[in-house]
Structure formats: structure tokens, C-alpha cells
Amino acid sequence: MKAIELTGLEGFESLRVVEADKPKPGPNQVLIEVKAAGINFAELELTKGKYPALKPLPYIFGFEAAGIVVELGSQVKGVNVGDSVAAIVSSGGYADYATADAGSLIPVPKGISFAEASSIPVQGLSAYALLKFAAKPRSHETVLVQAAAGGVGLYLVQLAKIMGARQVIALASSRQKLDLVKNLGADTAVDYSEKTWPDQVRAATGGKGVDVVLEAASGEVGDESFKLVAPFGRVVFFGARNIHDTISSEKIQQLIYKNQTLIGFNVPTLGAEKIAECVPELLKLISQGRIKLFANTTFPLVEVKKAFEAVSNRQTIGKVVLTP
């Protein structure tokens, strides 16, 4: 089978197309014929050595995939050959075939494409769990969503309102992206490439500032977002960009003087029980059409480097997918 192998930590050039043996499912695993493999920002950072490596190099890359179950492990029950599923994969999703633990399979909702479904295991569940367990928006609160037109961001914009926020302010970087997040329910959409964007956010809150910052951007956007937090507000740090950040003394002073809270969030270490709790709730919203999924940018598996460059250059909206 064709697969994409990560051979080093020198960036996108460390990815190469290889011929590999089809993986064999363990007793409690299934083999999936991959129809769509989702790209996540953490994977871009991993190729540069800026995110924890999962295995000794080289190995077949890719956190998640969606496709059709074609083989069952000897102890698997409740799953059938032919089922359409999405999953965090164990053998690497950037391939024609991948293995996944049977207990972690997510059924593809009716009317959802494999490309769209590939956004559910990492981005969809990350967004839902982040709001449910960490941010916990309340009915009087304003939530600021960074990178709102990205894979996680589009989920956050929609879910923040559904899960209780009074006002959602979305940051994006083009007219197309701003229009999209507004159509998905953002009360205010702000172009963070404009120098006045922090003032626009303050104006949207009547000068009060935001109650919750969903912090994934880091850098200058992250610093300015931090300054926008209202008294007794909170900042939820998540995503690959924040791993190497440090907290300045100025930020610590702000947290203390304004009685603010800093929260860290990471879905892989949340625990299987909490993640499983989110799956049916998220799938129900998707099946009801209350959450719209976006996976309009696809690349052939062998063009993985082009796909990574597009994501890195912010040329994409929503989920970016590789198709074998």
C-alpha cells in the first residue's frame, strides 16, 4: 500500500511517499480502508520537532482517518465489516489502510462525507471537550475564538453559542473567512490582520473585554488577546503553538490584579471516559444539522507536502484532507 512516512524532524521535507505492508489489526482492533485522512496543525509542528513525537522515527504519519472497516480483530464485537467510521488511528492515517482500536471508532453520521467525518476525532472532539470541561461558557459571557476559520475554530464558533455563550467574537484573516464565521453564528467577526483589531473587540464588548479567550494562536495575536480579558475572565490554552510559550511577569500581574484564571487543555490526556462522554452529544448535534462540517480542501495522498504548505500559509478553510 502507499503511505506517507515521517523520516526526520526537518519540516515538510521529512515526509516521503513509500510502499508499505498493509497493517494487521490486533485482537481488539479493526483494519480501515482509508477514504480520507485529516491533517492537524499539531502534525505540522511535529515535523519540525515542535510537538512530542509519538514513535521512534521513521513511522507512517497521521493521527486520524475516516473510511470503511474491512477486517476485524479476533475479539472485536459490535462492529461489522463495511461500517463507515472515523477514528484516531494507531498505525498512521496517511496511508491506504490503517488500524484503530475498536472501542474508539466513531460512526460516520448519515449525510456526512468521509472528508467531513475525518474532522470529528481530533478537531470536533477537541472543540466540544474544551468547551464542556475547560471553558464552560455561561449565558452572560463573551467568548473570543482565534483562528476561527480553521478546523477547530469552525467547531468552536458554532459550539460556543450552542453550549451557552451570549456572544461569540471570531478572529479570522480574510473577507471570505469573516463572512463564513458570521454565517455560522459569530456575533462579531474581526480581521486580526488589521492593527486596530483589539480596539474592534473592545468596542464589541462595550469596553468590558471578553470573558473567555480560547487561546491557540500564541505570538502577537495571543498577547493582544490576553490583554482583552475582562476581570474574573479566563484564558484556555490549547494547541501545538502554545507548548513552547512562556508566561511573562506582566501576564502574571494581570492575572492576579484582575482575578483571572489560566486553564490548560489537551484532549489526548483527558481520559477515555470523558472523551467517550462527548461523542454521542457531538454526533447528535451533527446529525441534527446544528453543526456544519467543512472539508472542502482535499489533496491526493502523494501531494502531502503541498497540503502542509497550504495549511501553514493559512490558505485553507476548515478541515484539510488527504485522499488515498
Protein backbone atom coordinates (compact mmCIF):
# COMPACT_ATOMS: atom_id res chain seq x y z
CA MET A 1 0.00 0.00 0.00
CA LYS A 2 1.02 3.63 -0.40
CA ALA A 3 1.79 5.53 2.78
CA ILE A 4 3.44 8.74 3.97
CA GLU A 5 6.39 8.19 6.26
CA LEU A 6 7.92 10.73 8.63
CA THR A 7 11.69 10.26 8.39
CA GLY A 8 13.01 13.19 10.43
CA LEU A 9 12.18 16.48 12.10
CA GLU A 10 13.36 18.92 9.44
CA GLY A 11 9.91 20.11 8.39
CA PHE A 12 7.75 19.07 5.45
CA GLU A 13 10.76 17.73 3.57
CA SER A 14 10.91 14.94 6.17
CA LEU A 15 7.77 13.41 4.65
CA ARG A 16 8.13 10.86 1.87
CA VAL A 17 5.87 8.55 -0.12
CA VAL A 18 6.68 4.88 0.50
CA GLU A 19 5.34 1.42 -0.27
CA ALA A 20 4.48 -0.32 3.00
CA ASP A 21 2.90 -3.56 4.14
CA LYS A 22 -0.79 -3.43 4.95
CA PRO A 23 -1.07 -3.34 8.79
CA LYS A 24 -2.69 -6.23 10.62
CA PRO A 25 -5.32 -5.46 13.28
CA GLY A 26 -4.68 -6.68 16.82
CA PRO A 27 -7.29 -8.68 18.75
CA ASN A 28 -9.23 -5.54 19.75
CA GLN A 29 -8.59 -3.53 16.60
CA VAL A 30 -10.07 -3.12 13.14
CA LEU A 31 -8.49 -2.51 9.77
CA ILE A 32 -9.86 0.54 7.95
CA GLU A 33 -9.65 1.21 4.24
CA VAL A 34 -8.84 4.91 4.43
CA LYS A 35 -11.04 7.22 2.37
CA ALA A 36 -9.91 10.48 3.99
CA ALA A 37 -7.02 11.29 6.33
CA GLY A 38 -7.32 14.53 8.24
CA ILE A 39 -4.46 16.99 8.64
CA ASN A 40 -3.99 18.67 12.02
CA PHE A 41 -1.82 21.65 12.89
CA ALA A 42 -0.05 19.58 15.55
CA GLU A 43 1.22 17.32 12.76
CA LEU A 44 2.80 20.29 11.01
CA GLU A 45 4.56 21.22 14.25
CA LEU A 46 5.61 17.61 14.81
CA THR A 47 7.52 17.54 11.51
CA LYS A 48 9.59 20.46 12.86
CA GLY A 49 10.27 18.85 16.23
CA LYS A 50 7.95 21.29 17.99
CA TYR A 51 5.43 18.71 19.16
CA PRO A 52 6.05 15.46 21.04
CA ALA A 53 6.86 12.60 18.65
CA LEU A 54 4.61 9.59 19.04
CA LYS A 55 7.04 6.87 17.98
CA PRO A 56 10.69 6.34 17.06
CA LEU A 57 11.40 7.55 13.54
CA PRO A 58 10.65 6.64 10.82
CA TYR A 59 6.95 5.79 11.02
CA ILE A 60 3.76 6.15 8.99
CA PHE A 61 2.28 9.56 9.77
CA GLY A 62 -1.25 10.76 10.52
CA PHE A 63 -3.37 10.98 13.67
CA GLU A 64 -6.83 10.32 12.28
CA ALA A 65 -8.74 8.88 9.35
CA ALA A 66 -12.20 8.02 8.10
CA GLY A 67 -13.11 5.06 5.93
CA ILE A 68 -14.62 1.60 5.74
CA VAL A 69 -13.96 -1.29 8.12
CA VAL A 70 -12.54 -4.18 6.08
CA GLU A 71 -11.22 -6.55 8.75
CA LEU A 72 -11.96 -7.28 12.41
CA GLY A 73 -9.62 -8.38 15.18
CA SER A 74 -10.37 -11.72 16.80
CA GLN A 75 -12.03 -10.19 19.90
CA VAL A 76 -13.92 -7.31 18.30
CA LYS A 77 -17.66 -7.17 18.90
CA GLY A 78 -20.31 -4.66 17.92
CA VAL A 79 -18.51 -3.65 14.72
CA ASN A 80 -19.15 -5.03 11.25
CA VAL A 81 -17.11 -5.22 8.08
CA GLY A 82 -18.48 -2.49 5.84
CA ASP A 83 -19.16 0.01 8.64
CA SER A 84 -18.25 3.63 7.84
CA VAL A 85 -16.18 5.03 10.70
CA ALA A 86 -13.79 7.77 11.78
CA ALA A 87 -11.07 7.17 14.33
CA ILE A 88 -7.80 8.11 15.94
CA VAL A 89 -5.61 5.54 14.23
CA SER A 90 -2.78 3.51 15.70
CA SER A 91 -0.82 2.62 12.56
CA GLY A 92 -0.82 6.04 10.85
CA GLY A 93 -3.67 7.53 8.85
CA TYR A 94 -1.69 8.85 5.86
CA ALA A 95 -1.99 5.52 4.09
CA ASP A 96 -4.31 3.31 2.07
CA TYR A 97 -5.11 1.29 5.19
CA ALA A 98 -4.86 1.93 8.93
CA THR A 99 -5.66 0.15 12.17
CA ALA A 100 -7.67 1.59 15.05
CA ASP A 101 -8.91 0.39 18.42
CA ALA A 102 -12.45 -0.89 18.02
CA GLY A 103 -13.61 0.88 21.17
CA SER A 104 -12.63 4.28 19.80
CA LEU A 105 -14.48 4.09 16.49
CA ILE A 106 -16.92 6.88 15.69
CA PRO A 107 -19.75 6.03 13.28
CA VAL A 108 -20.00 8.41 10.34
CA PRO A 109 -23.32 10.28 10.65
CA LYS A 110 -25.78 9.93 7.77
CA GLY A 111 -25.22 12.52 5.07
CA ILE A 112 -21.65 13.29 6.19
CA SER A 113 -18.80 12.63 3.76
CA PHE A 114 -15.65 10.78 4.74
CA ALA A 115 -13.70 14.03 4.37
CA GLU A 116 -16.05 15.82 6.76
CA ALA A 117 -16.06 12.88 9.16
CA SER A 118 -12.28 12.96 9.36
CA SER A 119 -12.59 16.24 11.28
CA ILE A 120 -14.55 14.66 14.13
CA PRO A 121 -11.99 12.55 16.08
CA VAL A 122 -9.43 15.31 16.75
CA GLN A 123 -10.87 18.71 15.89
CA GLY A 124 -14.54 18.12 16.66
CA LEU A 125 -13.99 16.31 19.93
CA SER A 126 -11.25 18.75 20.95
CA ALA A 127 -13.60 21.69 20.49
CA TYR A 128 -16.52 20.04 22.25
CA ALA A 129 -14.46 18.77 25.20
CA LEU A 130 -12.63 22.09 25.55
CA LEU A 131 -15.89 23.96 25.95
CA LYS A 132 -17.53 21.32 28.12
CA PHE A 133 -14.72 20.66 30.59
CA ALA A 134 -12.43 23.71 30.44
CA ALA A 135 -14.01 26.91 29.12
CA LYS A 136 -17.56 26.25 30.40
CA PRO A 137 -19.17 29.35 28.80
CA ARG A 138 -22.10 30.89 30.66
CA SER A 139 -25.17 32.67 29.41
CA HIS A 140 -23.88 36.17 30.21
CA GLU A 141 -20.38 35.67 28.80
CA THR A 142 -18.45 36.66 25.69
CA VAL A 143 -16.07 34.12 24.10
CA LEU A 144 -13.17 35.08 21.80
CA VAL A 145 -12.27 32.41 19.22
CA GLN A 146 -8.91 32.73 17.48
CA ALA A 147 -8.22 31.17 14.07
CA ALA A 148 -11.98 30.91 13.78
CA ALA A 149 -11.99 29.61 10.18
CA GLY A 150 -9.61 26.75 10.94
CA GLY A 151 -10.59 23.16 11.62
CA VAL A 152 -11.05 23.55 15.39
CA GLY A 153 -12.15 27.18 15.12
CA LEU A 154 -15.22 26.46 12.97
CA TYR A 155 -16.38 23.93 15.54
CA LEU A 156 -15.72 26.37 18.41
CA VAL A 157 -17.66 29.22 16.82
CA GLN A 158 -20.73 27.04 16.43
CA LEU A 159 -20.45 25.12 19.68
CA ALA A 160 -19.76 28.13 21.91
CA LYS A 161 -23.21 29.52 21.15
CA ILE A 162 -24.91 26.14 21.42
CA MET A 163 -23.21 25.49 24.77
CA GLY A 164 -24.29 28.73 26.36
CA ALA A 165 -22.21 31.77 25.42
CA ARG A 166 -24.12 35.04 24.99
CA GLN A 167 -21.67 36.49 22.49
CA VAL A 168 -19.01 34.93 20.24
CA ILE A 169 -16.30 37.09 18.72
CA ALA A 170 -14.36 35.36 15.94
CA LEU A 171 -10.91 36.28 14.64
CA ALA A 172 -10.11 35.46 11.01
CA SER A 173 -7.92 36.85 8.23
CA SER A 174 -9.91 37.35 5.01
CA ARG A 175 -13.34 38.54 3.88
CA GLN A 176 -14.31 35.02 2.85
CA LYS A 177 -13.42 33.65 6.28
CA LEU A 178 -15.09 36.52 8.12
CA ASP A 179 -18.31 36.03 6.15
CA LEU A 180 -18.26 32.30 6.86
CA VAL A 181 -17.89 32.58 10.63
CA LYS A 182 -20.63 35.20 10.71
CA ASN A 183 -22.92 32.84 8.81
CA LEU A 184 -22.12 30.13 11.33
CA GLY A 185 -23.24 32.23 14.26
CA ALA A 186 -20.41 34.52 15.32
CA ASP A 187 -21.89 37.77 16.63
CA THR A 188 -18.81 39.73 15.59
CA ALA A 189 -16.08 38.78 13.11
CA VAL A 190 -12.79 40.70 13.26
CA ASP A 191 -9.87 40.68 10.85
CA TYR A 192 -6.82 40.17 13.08
CA SER A 193 -4.50 41.33 10.29
CA GLU A 194 -5.76 44.89 10.90
CA LYS A 195 -3.80 46.85 13.51
CA THR A 196 -6.98 48.05 15.15
CA TRP A 197 -8.43 44.59 15.75
CA PRO A 198 -8.07 44.72 19.57
CA ASP A 199 -9.98 48.01 19.61
CA GLN A 200 -12.71 46.42 17.49
CA VAL A 201 -13.03 43.59 20.01
CA ARG A 202 -13.22 46.06 22.92
CA ALA A 203 -15.90 48.03 21.11
CA ALA A 204 -17.92 44.87 20.51
CA THR A 205 -17.94 44.24 24.28
CA GLY A 206 -18.80 47.80 25.21
CA GLY A 207 -15.30 48.28 26.56
CA LYS A 208 -15.60 45.49 29.13
CA GLY A 209 -13.38 42.95 27.39
CA VAL A 210 -14.02 39.25 26.82
CA ASP A 211 -14.86 36.72 29.50
CA VAL A 212 -13.19 33.76 27.81
CA VAL A 213 -10.25 33.63 25.40
CA LEU A 214 -9.76 30.34 23.58
CA GLU A 215 -6.01 30.71 23.10
CA ALA A 216 -4.44 28.75 20.26
CA ALA A 217 -2.61 31.40 18.26
CA SER A 218 0.30 32.35 20.52
CA GLY A 219 2.59 35.17 19.34
CA GLU A 220 1.33 38.74 18.94
CA VAL A 221 -2.30 37.71 18.48
CA GLY A 222 -2.08 35.68 21.68
CA ASP A 223 -0.51 38.57 23.60
CA GLU A 224 -3.15 41.05 22.45
CA SER A 225 -5.94 38.57 23.19
CA PHE A 226 -4.62 38.16 26.73
CA LYS A 227 -4.89 41.92 27.28
CA LEU A 228 -8.54 41.81 26.27
CA VAL A 229 -9.62 39.50 29.11
CA ALA A 230 -12.17 41.09 31.45
CA PRO A 231 -11.90 40.98 35.26
CA PHE A 232 -12.66 37.46 36.54
CA GLY A 233 -12.27 36.19 32.96
CA ARG A 234 -10.28 33.15 31.90
CA VAL A 235 -7.87 32.05 29.20
CA VAL A 236 -7.88 28.47 27.94
CA PHE A 237 -4.54 27.49 26.43
CA PHE A 238 -4.62 24.64 23.90
CA GLY A 239 -2.98 23.56 20.68
CA ALA A 240 0.53 22.97 19.40
CA ARG A 241 1.59 26.63 19.17
CA ASN A 242 1.38 27.16 22.93
CA ILE A 243 3.62 24.30 24.03
CA HIS A 244 6.82 26.36 23.90
CA ASP A 245 5.38 29.64 25.20
CA THR A 246 6.33 31.23 28.50
CA ILE A 247 4.19 33.37 30.78
CA SER A 248 5.65 36.84 31.28
CA SER A 249 5.64 38.65 34.60
CA GLU A 250 3.25 41.19 33.06
CA LYS A 251 0.73 38.46 32.31
CA ILE A 252 1.04 37.04 35.81
CA GLN A 253 0.43 40.51 37.26
CA GLN A 254 -2.66 40.86 35.08
CA LEU A 255 -3.98 37.50 36.22
CA ILE A 256 -3.54 38.49 39.87
CA TYR A 257 -4.78 42.08 39.71
CA LYS A 258 -7.82 41.22 37.60
CA ASN A 259 -8.68 37.96 39.40
CA GLN A 260 -8.35 35.98 36.19
CA THR A 261 -7.86 32.27 35.57
CA LEU A 262 -5.43 30.46 33.27
CA ILE A 263 -6.50 26.98 32.13
CA GLY A 264 -4.59 24.38 30.13
CA PHE A 265 -6.36 21.86 27.90
CA ASN A 266 -5.22 18.78 25.99
CA VAL A 267 -7.73 16.28 24.67
CA PRO A 268 -5.43 13.19 24.39
CA THR A 269 -4.76 13.26 28.14
CA LEU A 270 -8.36 13.97 29.07
CA GLY A 271 -9.07 10.28 29.55
CA ALA A 272 -11.12 7.78 27.59
CA GLU A 273 -14.16 8.13 29.84
CA LYS A 274 -14.50 11.89 29.38
CA ILE A 275 -13.86 11.66 25.64
CA ALA A 276 -16.48 8.91 25.29
CA GLU A 277 -18.94 11.14 27.13
CA CYS A 278 -18.60 13.76 24.38
CA VAL A 279 -19.03 11.52 21.34
CA PRO A 280 -22.81 10.93 21.37
CA GLU A 281 -23.51 14.56 22.28
CA LEU A 282 -21.38 15.86 19.39
CA LEU A 283 -22.74 13.33 16.88
CA LYS A 284 -26.30 14.29 17.81
CA LEU A 285 -25.61 17.95 17.01
CA ILE A 286 -24.01 16.98 13.68
CA SER A 287 -26.87 14.63 12.76
CA GLN A 288 -29.40 17.35 13.59
CA GLY A 289 -27.60 19.76 11.29
CA ARG A 290 -26.87 22.16 14.14
CA ILE A 291 -23.14 21.78 13.49
CA LYS A 292 -21.98 22.22 9.91
CA LEU A 293 -18.75 20.50 8.88
CA PHE A 294 -16.29 21.94 6.37
CA ALA A 295 -13.75 19.82 4.49
CA ASN A 296 -13.66 21.44 1.08
CA THR A 297 -9.89 21.27 0.59
CA THR A 298 -8.52 17.88 -0.42
CA PHE A 299 -5.16 16.76 -1.76
CA PRO A 300 -4.09 13.38 -3.11
CA LEU A 301 -2.07 11.45 -0.55
CA VAL A 302 1.10 11.81 -2.63
CA GLU A 303 0.78 15.63 -2.51
CA VAL A 304 1.08 15.77 1.26
CA LYS A 305 3.78 18.46 1.15
CA LYS A 306 1.51 20.77 -0.87
CA ALA A 307 -1.25 20.17 1.66
CA PHE A 308 1.02 21.03 4.57
CA GLU A 309 2.20 24.20 2.82
CA ALA A 310 -1.40 25.30 2.23
CA VAL A 311 -2.29 24.83 5.90
CA SER A 312 0.91 26.53 7.05
CA ASN A 313 0.25 29.55 4.79
CA ARG A 314 -3.35 29.90 6.04
CA GLN A 315 -4.72 29.31 2.53
CA THR A 316 -7.43 26.93 3.70
CA ILE A 317 -10.77 26.95 5.49
CA GLY A 318 -11.91 24.18 7.81
CA LYS A 319 -10.56 20.65 7.57
CA VAL A 320 -7.81 19.81 5.07
CA VAL A 321 -7.85 16.20 3.92
CA LEU A 322 -5.60 13.71 2.14
CA THR A 323 -7.30 11.16 -0.10
CA PRO A 324 -5.53 7.88 -0.98
